PDB file of all heavy atoms in Angstrom:
ATOM      1  N   ASN A   1       2.026 -10.219  -0.516  1.00  0.00           N
ATOM      2  CA  ASN A   1       2.709 -11.280   0.230  1.00  0.00           C
ATOM      3  C   ASN A   1       1.877 -12.182   1.121  1.00  0.00           C
ATOM      4  O   ASN A   1       2.392 -12.891   1.929  1.00  0.00           O
ATOM      5  CB  ASN A   1       3.821 -10.650   1.064  1.00  0.00           C
ATOM      6  CG  ASN A   1       4.972 -11.578   1.386  1.00  0.00           C
ATOM      7  OD1 ASN A   1       5.045 -12.644   0.769  1.00  0.00           O
ATOM      8  ND2 ASN A   1       5.785 -11.319   2.395  1.00  0.00           N
ATOM      9  N   TYR A   2       0.561 -11.998   1.011  1.00  0.00           N
ATOM     10  CA  TYR A   2      -0.403 -12.954   1.576  1.00  0.00           C
ATOM     11  C   TYR A   2      -1.277 -13.526   0.452  1.00  0.00           C
ATOM     12  O   TYR A   2      -1.771 -12.718  -0.357  1.00  0.00           O
ATOM     13  CB  TYR A   2      -1.300 -12.327   2.670  1.00  0.00           C
ATOM     14  CG  TYR A   2      -0.500 -11.947   3.947  1.00  0.00           C
ATOM     15  CD1 TYR A   2       0.306 -10.790   3.977  1.00  0.00           C
ATOM     16  CD2 TYR A   2      -0.688 -12.724   5.071  1.00  0.00           C
ATOM     17  CE1 TYR A   2       1.002 -10.448   5.160  1.00  0.00           C
ATOM     18  CE2 TYR A   2       0.088 -12.363   6.241  1.00  0.00           C
ATOM     19  CZ  TYR A   2       0.746 -11.241   6.324  1.00  0.00           C
ATOM     20  OH  TYR A   2       1.434 -10.890   7.488  1.00  0.00           O
ATOM     21  N   ILE A   3      -1.527 -14.796   0.307  1.00  0.00           N
ATOM     22  CA  ILE A   3      -2.225 -15.321  -0.791  1.00  0.00           C
ATOM     23  C   ILE A   3      -3.550 -14.836  -0.854  1.00  0.00           C
ATOM     24  O   ILE A   3      -4.051 -14.401  -1.998  1.00  0.00           O
ATOM     25  CB  ILE A   3      -2.260 -16.950  -0.646  1.00  0.00           C
ATOM     26  CG1 ILE A   3      -0.858 -17.515  -0.910  1.00  0.00           C
ATOM     27  CG2 ILE A   3      -3.194 -17.499  -1.723  1.00  0.00           C
ATOM     28  CD1 ILE A   3      -0.828 -18.928  -0.688  1.00  0.00           C
ATOM     29  N   ASP A   4      -4.232 -14.600   0.283  1.00  0.00           N
ATOM     30  CA  ASP A   4      -5.637 -14.212   0.267  1.00  0.00           C
ATOM     31  C   ASP A   4      -5.726 -12.795  -0.350  1.00  0.00           C
ATOM     32  O   ASP A   4      -6.683 -12.310  -0.817  1.00  0.00           O
ATOM     33  CB  ASP A   4      -6.323 -14.355   1.561  1.00  0.00           C
ATOM     34  CG  ASP A   4      -6.587 -15.716   2.047  1.00  0.00           C
ATOM     35  OD1 ASP A   4      -6.515 -16.663   1.109  1.00  0.00           O
ATOM     36  OD2 ASP A   4      -6.849 -16.040   3.183  1.00  0.00           O
ATOM     37  N   HIS A   5      -4.685 -11.916   0.125  1.00  0.00           N
ATOM     38  CA  HIS A   5      -4.701 -10.490  -0.351  1.00  0.00           C
ATOM     39  C   HIS A   5      -4.467 -10.487  -1.866  1.00  0.00           C
ATOM     40  O   HIS A   5      -5.073  -9.589  -2.577  1.00  0.00           O
ATOM     41  CB  HIS A   5      -3.583  -9.724   0.377  1.00  0.00           C
ATOM     42  CG  HIS A   5      -3.442  -8.337  -0.165  1.00  0.00           C
ATOM     43  ND1 HIS A   5      -4.537  -7.489  -0.196  1.00  0.00           N
ATOM     44  CD2 HIS A   5      -2.380  -7.646  -0.609  1.00  0.00           C
ATOM     45  CE1 HIS A   5      -4.135  -6.290  -0.749  1.00  0.00           C
ATOM     46  NE2 HIS A   5      -2.829  -6.413  -1.063  1.00  0.00           N
ATOM     47  N   ALA A   6      -3.555 -11.329  -2.454  1.00  0.00           N
ATOM     48  CA  ALA A   6      -3.441 -11.344  -3.872  1.00  0.00           C
ATOM     49  C   ALA A   6      -4.706 -11.787  -4.555  1.00  0.00           C
ATOM     50  O   ALA A   6      -5.123 -11.167  -5.565  1.00  0.00           O
ATOM     51  CB  ALA A   6      -2.333 -12.467  -4.220  1.00  0.00           C
ATOM     52  N   HIS A   7      -5.441 -12.800  -4.063  1.00  0.00           N
ATOM     53  CA  HIS A   7      -6.760 -13.111  -4.563  1.00  0.00           C
ATOM     54  C   HIS A   7      -7.743 -11.986  -4.548  1.00  0.00           C
ATOM     55  O   HIS A   7      -8.463 -11.728  -5.454  1.00  0.00           O
ATOM     56  CB  HIS A   7      -7.326 -14.330  -3.846  1.00  0.00           C
ATOM     57  CG  HIS A   7      -6.518 -15.626  -4.095  1.00  0.00           C
ATOM     58  ND1 HIS A   7      -6.596 -16.685  -3.343  1.00  0.00           N
ATOM     59  CD2 HIS A   7      -5.629 -15.841  -5.021  1.00  0.00           C
ATOM     60  CE1 HIS A   7      -5.874 -17.692  -3.751  1.00  0.00           C
ATOM     61  NE2 HIS A   7      -5.219 -17.260  -4.747  1.00  0.00           N
ATOM     62  N   GLU A   8      -7.869 -11.321  -3.387  1.00  0.00           N
ATOM     63  CA  GLU A   8      -8.823 -10.124  -3.353  1.00  0.00           C
ATOM     64  C   GLU A   8      -8.427  -9.062  -4.249  1.00  0.00           C
ATOM     65  O   GLU A   8      -9.326  -8.264  -4.716  1.00  0.00           O
ATOM     66  CB  GLU A   8      -9.001  -9.718  -1.900  1.00  0.00           C
ATOM     67  CG  GLU A   8      -7.839  -8.858  -1.333  1.00  0.00           C
ATOM     68  CD  GLU A   8      -8.087  -8.225   0.017  1.00  0.00           C
ATOM     69  OE1 GLU A   8      -9.283  -8.361   0.509  1.00  0.00           O
ATOM     70  OE2 GLU A   8      -7.113  -7.762   0.643  1.00  0.00           O
ATOM     71  N   ALA A   9      -7.186  -8.884  -4.528  1.00  0.00           N
ATOM     72  CA  ALA A   9      -6.733  -7.841  -5.403  1.00  0.00           C
ATOM     73  C   ALA A   9      -6.799  -8.276  -6.944  1.00  0.00           C
ATOM     74  O   ALA A   9      -6.605  -7.418  -7.815  1.00  0.00           O
ATOM     75  CB  ALA A   9      -5.209  -7.446  -5.192  1.00  0.00           C
ATOM     76  N   GLY A  10      -7.217  -9.482  -7.116  1.00  0.00           N
ATOM     77  CA  GLY A  10      -7.366 -10.005  -8.408  1.00  0.00           C
ATOM     78  C   GLY A  10      -6.078 -10.187  -9.258  1.00  0.00           C
ATOM     79  O   GLY A  10      -6.005  -9.957 -10.425  1.00  0.00           O
ATOM     80  N   MET A  11      -4.926 -10.395  -8.455  1.00  0.00           N
ATOM     81  CA  MET A  11      -3.602 -10.511  -9.073  1.00  0.00           C
ATOM     82  C   MET A  11      -3.068 -11.852  -8.845  1.00  0.00           C
ATOM     83  O   MET A  11      -3.419 -12.460  -7.799  1.00  0.00           O
ATOM     84  CB  MET A  11      -2.747  -9.402  -8.484  1.00  0.00           C
ATOM     85  CG  MET A  11      -3.276  -7.970  -8.810  1.00  0.00           C
ATOM     86  SD  MET A  11      -2.079  -6.731  -8.041  1.00  0.00           S
ATOM     87  CE  MET A  11      -2.984  -5.209  -8.470  1.00  0.00           C
ATOM     88  N   PRO A  12      -2.098 -12.319  -9.695  1.00  0.00           N
ATOM     89  CA  PRO A  12      -1.578 -13.606  -9.494  1.00  0.00           C
ATOM     90  C   PRO A  12      -0.683 -13.749  -8.271  1.00  0.00           C
ATOM     91  O   PRO A  12      -0.074 -12.615  -7.900  1.00  0.00           O
ATOM     92  CB  PRO A  12      -0.832 -13.904 -10.775  1.00  0.00           C
ATOM     93  CG  PRO A  12      -0.612 -12.459 -11.385  1.00  0.00           C
ATOM     94  CD  PRO A  12      -1.721 -11.700 -10.953  1.00  0.00           C
ATOM     95  N   VAL A  13      -0.553 -14.857  -7.679  1.00  0.00           N
ATOM     96  CA  VAL A  13       0.337 -14.938  -6.532  1.00  0.00           C
ATOM     97  C   VAL A  13       1.709 -14.881  -7.001  1.00  0.00           C
ATOM     98  O   VAL A  13       2.061 -15.611  -8.004  1.00  0.00           O
ATOM     99  CB  VAL A  13       0.049 -16.305  -5.804  1.00  0.00           C
ATOM    100  CG1 VAL A  13       1.104 -16.572  -4.692  1.00  0.00           C
ATOM    101  CG2 VAL A  13      -1.312 -16.346  -5.270  1.00  0.00           C
ATOM    102  N   PRO A  14       2.592 -14.024  -6.475  1.00  0.00           N
ATOM    103  CA  PRO A  14       3.878 -13.770  -7.080  1.00  0.00           C
ATOM    104  C   PRO A  14       4.822 -15.063  -6.905  1.00  0.00           C
ATOM    105  O   PRO A  14       4.751 -15.688  -5.842  1.00  0.00           O
ATOM    106  CB  PRO A  14       4.392 -12.572  -6.295  1.00  0.00           C
ATOM    107  CG  PRO A  14       3.629 -12.603  -4.983  1.00  0.00           C
ATOM    108  CD  PRO A  14       2.200 -13.097  -5.408  1.00  0.00           C
ATOM    109  N   ALA A  15       5.677 -15.231  -7.818  1.00  0.00           N
ATOM    110  CA  ALA A  15       6.622 -16.367  -7.741  1.00  0.00           C
ATOM    111  C   ALA A  15       7.931 -15.829  -6.972  1.00  0.00           C
ATOM    112  O   ALA A  15       8.627 -16.633  -6.417  1.00  0.00           O
ATOM    113  CB  ALA A  15       7.048 -16.818  -9.117  1.00  0.00           C
ATOM    114  N   GLU A  16       8.178 -14.556  -7.022  1.00  0.00           N
ATOM    115  CA  GLU A  16       9.192 -13.891  -6.200  1.00  0.00           C
ATOM    116  C   GLU A  16       8.645 -12.713  -5.552  1.00  0.00           C
ATOM    117  O   GLU A  16       7.606 -12.170  -5.981  1.00  0.00           O
ATOM    118  CB  GLU A  16      10.322 -13.476  -7.130  1.00  0.00           C
ATOM    119  CG  GLU A  16      11.064 -14.576  -7.862  1.00  0.00           C
ATOM    120  CD  GLU A  16      12.291 -14.096  -8.645  1.00  0.00           C
ATOM    121  OE1 GLU A  16      12.981 -13.236  -8.118  1.00  0.00           O
ATOM    122  OE2 GLU A  16      12.572 -14.693  -9.733  1.00  0.00           O
ATOM    123  N   PRO A  17       9.239 -12.202  -4.511  1.00  0.00           N
ATOM    124  CA  PRO A  17       8.823 -11.039  -3.866  1.00  0.00           C
ATOM    125  C   PRO A  17       8.678  -9.810  -4.741  1.00  0.00           C
ATOM    126  O   PRO A  17       9.651  -9.547  -5.528  1.00  0.00           O
ATOM    127  CB  PRO A  17       9.840 -10.777  -2.677  1.00  0.00           C
ATOM    128  CG  PRO A  17      10.300 -12.115  -2.401  1.00  0.00           C
ATOM    129  CD  PRO A  17      10.369 -12.781  -3.724  1.00  0.00           C
ATOM    130  N   ILE A  18       7.565  -9.059  -4.708  1.00  0.00           N
ATOM    131  CA  ILE A  18       7.493  -7.820  -5.365  1.00  0.00           C
ATOM    132  C   ILE A  18       8.010  -6.672  -4.559  1.00  0.00           C
ATOM    133  O   ILE A  18       7.556  -6.479  -3.379  1.00  0.00           O
ATOM    134  CB  ILE A  18       5.999  -7.588  -5.769  1.00  0.00           C
ATOM    135  CG1 ILE A  18       5.448  -8.604  -6.704  1.00  0.00           C
ATOM    136  CG2 ILE A  18       5.803  -6.160  -6.380  1.00  0.00           C
ATOM    137  CD1 ILE A  18       3.988  -8.660  -6.934  1.00  0.00           C
ATOM    138  N   ILE A  19       8.988  -5.935  -5.030  1.00  0.00           N
ATOM    139  CA  ILE A  19       9.569  -4.876  -4.244  1.00  0.00           C
ATOM    140  C   ILE A  19       9.127  -3.544  -4.767  1.00  0.00           C
ATOM    141  O   ILE A  19       9.214  -3.308  -6.087  1.00  0.00           O
ATOM    142  CB  ILE A  19      11.177  -4.862  -4.261  1.00  0.00           C
ATOM    143  CG1 ILE A  19      11.581  -6.316  -3.821  1.00  0.00           C
ATOM    144  CG2 ILE A  19      11.747  -3.776  -3.410  1.00  0.00           C
ATOM    145  CD1 ILE A  19      13.105  -6.492  -4.018  1.00  0.00           C
ATOM    146  N   PHE A  20       8.656  -2.656  -3.900  1.00  0.00           N
ATOM    147  CA  PHE A  20       8.429  -1.290  -4.343  1.00  0.00           C
ATOM    148  C   PHE A  20       8.868  -0.372  -3.245  1.00  0.00           C
ATOM    149  O   PHE A  20       9.159  -0.817  -2.044  1.00  0.00           O
ATOM    150  CB  PHE A  20       6.986  -1.027  -4.739  1.00  0.00           C
ATOM    151  CG  PHE A  20       5.936  -1.290  -3.662  1.00  0.00           C
ATOM    152  CD1 PHE A  20       5.665  -0.197  -2.798  1.00  0.00           C
ATOM    153  CD2 PHE A  20       5.433  -2.416  -3.460  1.00  0.00           C
ATOM    154  CE1 PHE A  20       4.588  -0.420  -1.788  1.00  0.00           C
ATOM    155  CE2 PHE A  20       4.460  -2.681  -2.412  1.00  0.00           C
ATOM    156  CZ  PHE A  20       4.115  -1.624  -1.680  1.00  0.00           C
ATOM    157  N   THR A  21       8.978   0.897  -3.441  1.00  0.00           N
ATOM    158  CA  THR A  21       9.490   1.887  -2.442  1.00  0.00           C
ATOM    159  C   THR A  21       8.342   2.733  -2.048  1.00  0.00           C
ATOM    160  O   THR A  21       7.418   2.986  -2.751  1.00  0.00           O
ATOM    161  CB  THR A  21      10.684   2.750  -2.966  1.00  0.00           C
ATOM    162  OG1 THR A  21      10.112   3.553  -4.169  1.00  0.00           O
ATOM    163  CG2 THR A  21      11.731   1.843  -3.476  1.00  0.00           C
ATOM    164  N   LYS A  22       8.479   3.242  -0.838  1.00  0.00           N
ATOM    165  CA  LYS A  22       7.621   4.221  -0.219  1.00  0.00           C
ATOM    166  C   LYS A  22       8.457   5.339   0.247  1.00  0.00           C
ATOM    167  O   LYS A  22       9.471   5.247   0.849  1.00  0.00           O
ATOM    168  CB  LYS A  22       6.923   3.587   1.082  1.00  0.00           C
ATOM    169  CG  LYS A  22       5.577   4.233   1.476  1.00  0.00           C
ATOM    170  CD  LYS A  22       4.988   3.316   2.502  1.00  0.00           C
ATOM    171  CE  LYS A  22       3.661   3.891   3.012  1.00  0.00           C
ATOM    172  NZ  LYS A  22       2.529   3.704   2.072  1.00  0.00           N
ATOM    173  N   ALA A  23       8.056   6.677  -0.284  1.00  0.00           N
ATOM    174  CA  ALA A  23       8.910   7.769   0.014  1.00  0.00           C
ATOM    175  C   ALA A  23       8.957   8.079   1.476  1.00  0.00           C
ATOM    176  O   ALA A  23       7.973   7.915   2.300  1.00  0.00           O
ATOM    177  CB  ALA A  23       8.139   9.033  -0.726  1.00  0.00           C
ATOM    178  N   THR A  24      10.229   8.355   1.937  1.00  0.00           N
ATOM    179  CA  THR A  24      10.389   8.592   3.356  1.00  0.00           C
ATOM    180  C   THR A  24       9.679   9.844   3.825  1.00  0.00           C
ATOM    181  O   THR A  24       9.313   9.976   5.028  1.00  0.00           O
ATOM    182  CB  THR A  24      11.976   8.674   3.662  1.00  0.00           C
ATOM    183  OG1 THR A  24      12.538   9.699   2.896  1.00  0.00           O
ATOM    184  CG2 THR A  24      12.592   7.329   3.425  1.00  0.00           C
ATOM    185  N   SER A  25       9.325  10.716   2.890  1.00  0.00           N
ATOM    186  CA  SER A  25       8.529  11.858   3.271  1.00  0.00           C
ATOM    187  C   SER A  25       7.134  11.560   3.675  1.00  0.00           C
ATOM    188  O   SER A  25       6.303  12.333   4.117  1.00  0.00           O
ATOM    189  CB  SER A  25       8.502  12.846   2.032  1.00  0.00           C
ATOM    190  OG  SER A  25       8.089  12.316   0.870  1.00  0.00           O
ATOM    191  N   SER A  26       6.742  10.245   3.421  1.00  0.00           N
ATOM    192  CA  SER A  26       5.351   9.791   3.860  1.00  0.00           C
ATOM    193  C   SER A  26       5.348   9.469   5.339  1.00  0.00           C
ATOM    194  O   SER A  26       4.183   9.354   5.905  1.00  0.00           O
ATOM    195  CB  SER A  26       4.904   8.577   3.087  1.00  0.00           C
ATOM    196  OG  SER A  26       5.732   7.349   3.522  1.00  0.00           O
ATOM    197  N   ILE A  27       6.503   9.318   6.027  1.00  0.00           N
ATOM    198  CA  ILE A  27       6.517   8.870   7.329  1.00  0.00           C
ATOM    199  C   ILE A  27       5.881   9.911   8.349  1.00  0.00           C
ATOM    200  O   ILE A  27       6.202  11.041   8.374  1.00  0.00           O
ATOM    201  CB  ILE A  27       8.033   8.610   7.818  1.00  0.00           C
ATOM    202  CG1 ILE A  27       8.505   7.370   7.007  1.00  0.00           C
ATOM    203  CG2 ILE A  27       8.123   8.332   9.369  1.00  0.00           C
ATOM    204  CD1 ILE A  27       9.988   7.134   7.192  1.00  0.00           C
ATOM    205  N   ILE A  28       4.986   9.430   9.241  1.00  0.00           N
ATOM    206  CA  ILE A  28       4.595  10.085  10.362  1.00  0.00           C
ATOM    207  C   ILE A  28       4.520   9.233  11.606  1.00  0.00           C
ATOM    208  O   ILE A  28       4.830   8.004  11.530  1.00  0.00           O
ATOM    209  CB  ILE A  28       3.076  10.602  10.082  1.00  0.00           C
ATOM    210  CG1 ILE A  28       2.178   9.445   9.752  1.00  0.00           C
ATOM    211  CG2 ILE A  28       3.049  11.682   8.991  1.00  0.00           C
ATOM    212  CD1 ILE A  28       0.705   9.882   9.642  1.00  0.00           C
ATOM    213  N   GLY A  29       4.159   9.811  12.741  1.00  0.00           N
ATOM    214  CA  GLY A  29       3.980   8.928  13.962  1.00  0.00           C
ATOM    215  C   GLY A  29       2.730   8.102  13.891  1.00  0.00           C
ATOM    216  O   GLY A  29       1.903   8.235  13.101  1.00  0.00           O
ATOM    217  N   PRO A  30       2.653   7.130  14.801  1.00  0.00           N
ATOM    218  CA  PRO A  30       1.652   6.091  14.765  1.00  0.00           C
ATOM    219  C   PRO A  30       0.259   6.585  15.030  1.00  0.00           C
ATOM    220  O   PRO A  30      -0.665   6.017  14.569  1.00  0.00           O
ATOM    221  CB  PRO A  30       2.064   5.181  15.865  1.00  0.00           C
ATOM    222  CG  PRO A  30       2.852   5.971  16.813  1.00  0.00           C
ATOM    223  CD  PRO A  30       3.607   6.959  15.972  1.00  0.00           C
ATOM    224  N   ASN A  31       0.031   7.751  15.674  1.00  0.00           N
ATOM    225  CA  ASN A  31      -1.138   8.345  15.992  1.00  0.00           C
ATOM    226  C   ASN A  31      -1.393   9.669  15.401  1.00  0.00           C
ATOM    227  O   ASN A  31      -2.322  10.442  15.680  1.00  0.00           O
ATOM    228  CB  ASN A  31      -1.393   8.410  17.478  1.00  0.00           C
ATOM    229  CG  ASN A  31      -1.158   7.048  18.197  1.00  0.00           C
ATOM    230  OD1 ASN A  31      -1.703   6.103  17.659  1.00  0.00           O
ATOM    231  ND2 ASN A  31      -0.424   7.026  19.342  1.00  0.00           N
ATOM    232  N   ASP A  32      -0.564  10.055  14.408  1.00  0.00           N
ATOM    233  CA  ASP A  32      -0.748  11.338  13.681  1.00  0.00           C
ATOM    234  C   ASP A  32      -1.889  11.296  12.747  1.00  0.00           C
ATOM    235  O   ASP A  32      -2.170  10.203  12.263  1.00  0.00           O
ATOM    236  CB  ASP A  32       0.520  11.726  13.036  1.00  0.00           C
ATOM    237  CG  ASP A  32       1.695  12.076  13.936  1.00  0.00           C
ATOM    238  OD1 ASP A  32       1.435  12.396  15.149  1.00  0.00           O
ATOM    239  OD2 ASP A  32       2.871  12.132  13.477  1.00  0.00           O
ATOM    240  N   ASP A  33      -2.388  12.434  12.320  1.00  0.00           N
ATOM    241  CA  ASP A  33      -3.465  12.446  11.422  1.00  0.00           C
ATOM    242  C   ASP A  33      -3.004  11.928   9.956  1.00  0.00           C
ATOM    243  O   ASP A  33      -1.906  12.263   9.607  1.00  0.00           O
ATOM    244  CB  ASP A  33      -4.040  13.809  11.197  1.00  0.00           C
ATOM    245  CG  ASP A  33      -4.816  14.264  12.366  1.00  0.00           C
ATOM    246  OD1 ASP A  33      -5.197  13.432  13.252  1.00  0.00           O
ATOM    247  OD2 ASP A  33      -5.207  15.505  12.497  1.00  0.00           O
ATOM    248  N   VAL A  34      -3.809  11.245   9.246  1.00  0.00           N
ATOM    249  CA  VAL A  34      -3.654  10.861   7.890  1.00  0.00           C
ATOM    250  C   VAL A  34      -4.273  11.866   7.003  1.00  0.00           C
ATOM    251  O   VAL A  34      -5.586  12.124   7.244  1.00  0.00           O
ATOM    252  CB  VAL A  34      -4.128   9.415   7.525  1.00  0.00           C
ATOM    253  CG1 VAL A  34      -4.235   9.231   6.095  1.00  0.00           C
ATOM    254  CG2 VAL A  34      -3.213   8.418   8.280  1.00  0.00           C
ATOM    255  N   LEU A  35      -3.641  12.550   6.128  1.00  0.00           N
ATOM    256  CA  LEU A  35      -4.245  13.481   5.276  1.00  0.00           C
ATOM    257  C   LEU A  35      -4.361  12.987   3.841  1.00  0.00           C
ATOM    258  O   LEU A  35      -3.436  12.651   3.182  1.00  0.00           O
ATOM    259  CB  LEU A  35      -3.323  14.751   5.242  1.00  0.00           C
ATOM    260  CG  LEU A  35      -3.162  15.468   6.625  1.00  0.00           C
ATOM    261  CD1 LEU A  35      -2.232  16.708   6.487  1.00  0.00           C
ATOM    262  CD2 LEU A  35      -4.406  15.876   7.286  1.00  0.00           C
ATOM    263  N   LEU A  36      -5.643  12.991   3.352  1.00  0.00           N
ATOM    264  CA  LEU A  36      -5.969  12.509   2.019  1.00  0.00           C
ATOM    265  C   LEU A  36      -5.522  13.529   0.973  1.00  0.00           C
ATOM    266  O   LEU A  36      -5.719  14.737   1.074  1.00  0.00           O
ATOM    267  CB  LEU A  36      -7.351  12.239   1.813  1.00  0.00           C
ATOM    268  CG  LEU A  36      -8.096  11.237   2.801  1.00  0.00           C
ATOM    269  CD1 LEU A  36      -9.473  11.060   2.462  1.00  0.00           C
ATOM    270  CD2 LEU A  36      -7.435   9.793   2.701  1.00  0.00           C
ATOM    271  N   PRO A  37      -4.699  13.166  -0.032  1.00  0.00           N
ATOM    272  CA  PRO A  37      -4.347  14.120  -1.108  1.00  0.00           C
ATOM    273  C   PRO A  37      -5.555  14.759  -1.641  1.00  0.00           C
ATOM    274  O   PRO A  37      -6.661  14.240  -1.649  1.00  0.00           O
ATOM    275  CB  PRO A  37      -3.544  13.239  -2.090  1.00  0.00           C
ATOM    276  CG  PRO A  37      -3.184  12.032  -1.385  1.00  0.00           C
ATOM    277  CD  PRO A  37      -4.199  11.722  -0.353  1.00  0.00           C
ATOM    278  N   PRO A  38      -5.420  16.003  -2.118  1.00  0.00           N
ATOM    279  CA  PRO A  38      -6.500  16.897  -2.631  1.00  0.00           C
ATOM    280  C   PRO A  38      -7.367  16.108  -3.741  1.00  0.00           C
ATOM    281  O   PRO A  38      -8.583  16.279  -3.824  1.00  0.00           O
ATOM    282  CB  PRO A  38      -5.845  18.070  -3.190  1.00  0.00           C
ATOM    283  CG  PRO A  38      -4.539  18.229  -2.470  1.00  0.00           C
ATOM    284  CD  PRO A  38      -4.184  16.849  -2.199  1.00  0.00           C
ATOM    285  N   THR A  39      -6.657  15.342  -4.647  1.00  0.00           N
ATOM    286  CA  THR A  39      -7.456  14.576  -5.664  1.00  0.00           C
ATOM    287  C   THR A  39      -7.681  13.205  -5.345  1.00  0.00           C
ATOM    288  O   THR A  39      -8.071  12.444  -6.218  1.00  0.00           O
ATOM    289  CB  THR A  39      -6.628  14.741  -6.992  1.00  0.00           C
ATOM    290  OG1 THR A  39      -5.316  14.164  -6.759  1.00  0.00           O
ATOM    291  CG2 THR A  39      -6.491  16.210  -7.428  1.00  0.00           C
ATOM    292  N   SER A  40      -7.474  12.756  -4.136  1.00  0.00           N
ATOM    293  CA  SER A  40      -7.657  11.345  -3.743  1.00  0.00           C
ATOM    294  C   SER A  40      -9.104  10.934  -3.864  1.00  0.00           C
ATOM    295  O   SER A  40     -10.013  11.656  -3.266  1.00  0.00           O
ATOM    296  CB  SER A  40      -7.058  11.088  -2.423  1.00  0.00           C
ATOM    297  OG  SER A  40      -7.399   9.743  -1.953  1.00  0.00           O
ATOM    298  N   VAL A  41      -9.430   9.738  -4.457  1.00  0.00           N
ATOM    299  CA  VAL A  41     -10.749   9.278  -4.480  1.00  0.00           C
ATOM    300  C   VAL A  41     -10.697   7.781  -4.053  1.00  0.00           C
ATOM    301  O   VAL A  41     -11.796   7.158  -3.728  1.00  0.00           O
ATOM    302  CB  VAL A  41     -11.430   9.346  -5.921  1.00  0.00           C
ATOM    303  CG1 VAL A  41     -11.633  10.855  -6.223  1.00  0.00           C
ATOM    304  CG2 VAL A  41     -10.543   8.657  -6.953  1.00  0.00           C
ATOM    305  N   LYS A  42      -9.556   7.175  -3.915  1.00  0.00           N
ATOM    306  CA  LYS A  42      -9.493   5.708  -3.745  1.00  0.00           C
ATOM    307  C   LYS A  42      -8.349   5.351  -2.667  1.00  0.00           C
ATOM    308  O   LYS A  42      -7.411   4.518  -2.899  1.00  0.00           O
ATOM    309  CB  LYS A  42      -9.240   4.941  -4.950  1.00  0.00           C
ATOM    310  CG  LYS A  42     -10.388   4.986  -5.972  1.00  0.00           C
ATOM    311  CD  LYS A  42     -10.163   4.145  -7.258  1.00  0.00           C
ATOM    312  CE  LYS A  42     -11.368   4.189  -8.158  1.00  0.00           C
ATOM    313  NZ  LYS A  42     -11.166   3.332  -9.341  1.00  0.00           N
ATOM    314  N   SER A  43      -8.308   6.056  -1.595  1.00  0.00           N
ATOM    315  CA  SER A  43      -7.400   5.790  -0.558  1.00  0.00           C
ATOM    316  C   SER A  43      -7.703   4.577   0.349  1.00  0.00           C
ATOM    317  O   SER A  43      -8.903   4.402   0.611  1.00  0.00           O
ATOM    318  CB  SER A  43      -7.094   7.069   0.330  1.00  0.00           C
ATOM    319  OG  SER A  43      -6.285   8.026  -0.415  1.00  0.00           O
TER     320      SER A  43
END
């Protein structure tokens, strides 16, 4: 939803908003630790 971010991602600027969901089980407080998944290599 920012033109420069679309460019850096190598993706076309969307003609309509792209909607996706984020699981509510991902929610933590603003200063809680972020835990990388066991197989994560590109977080």
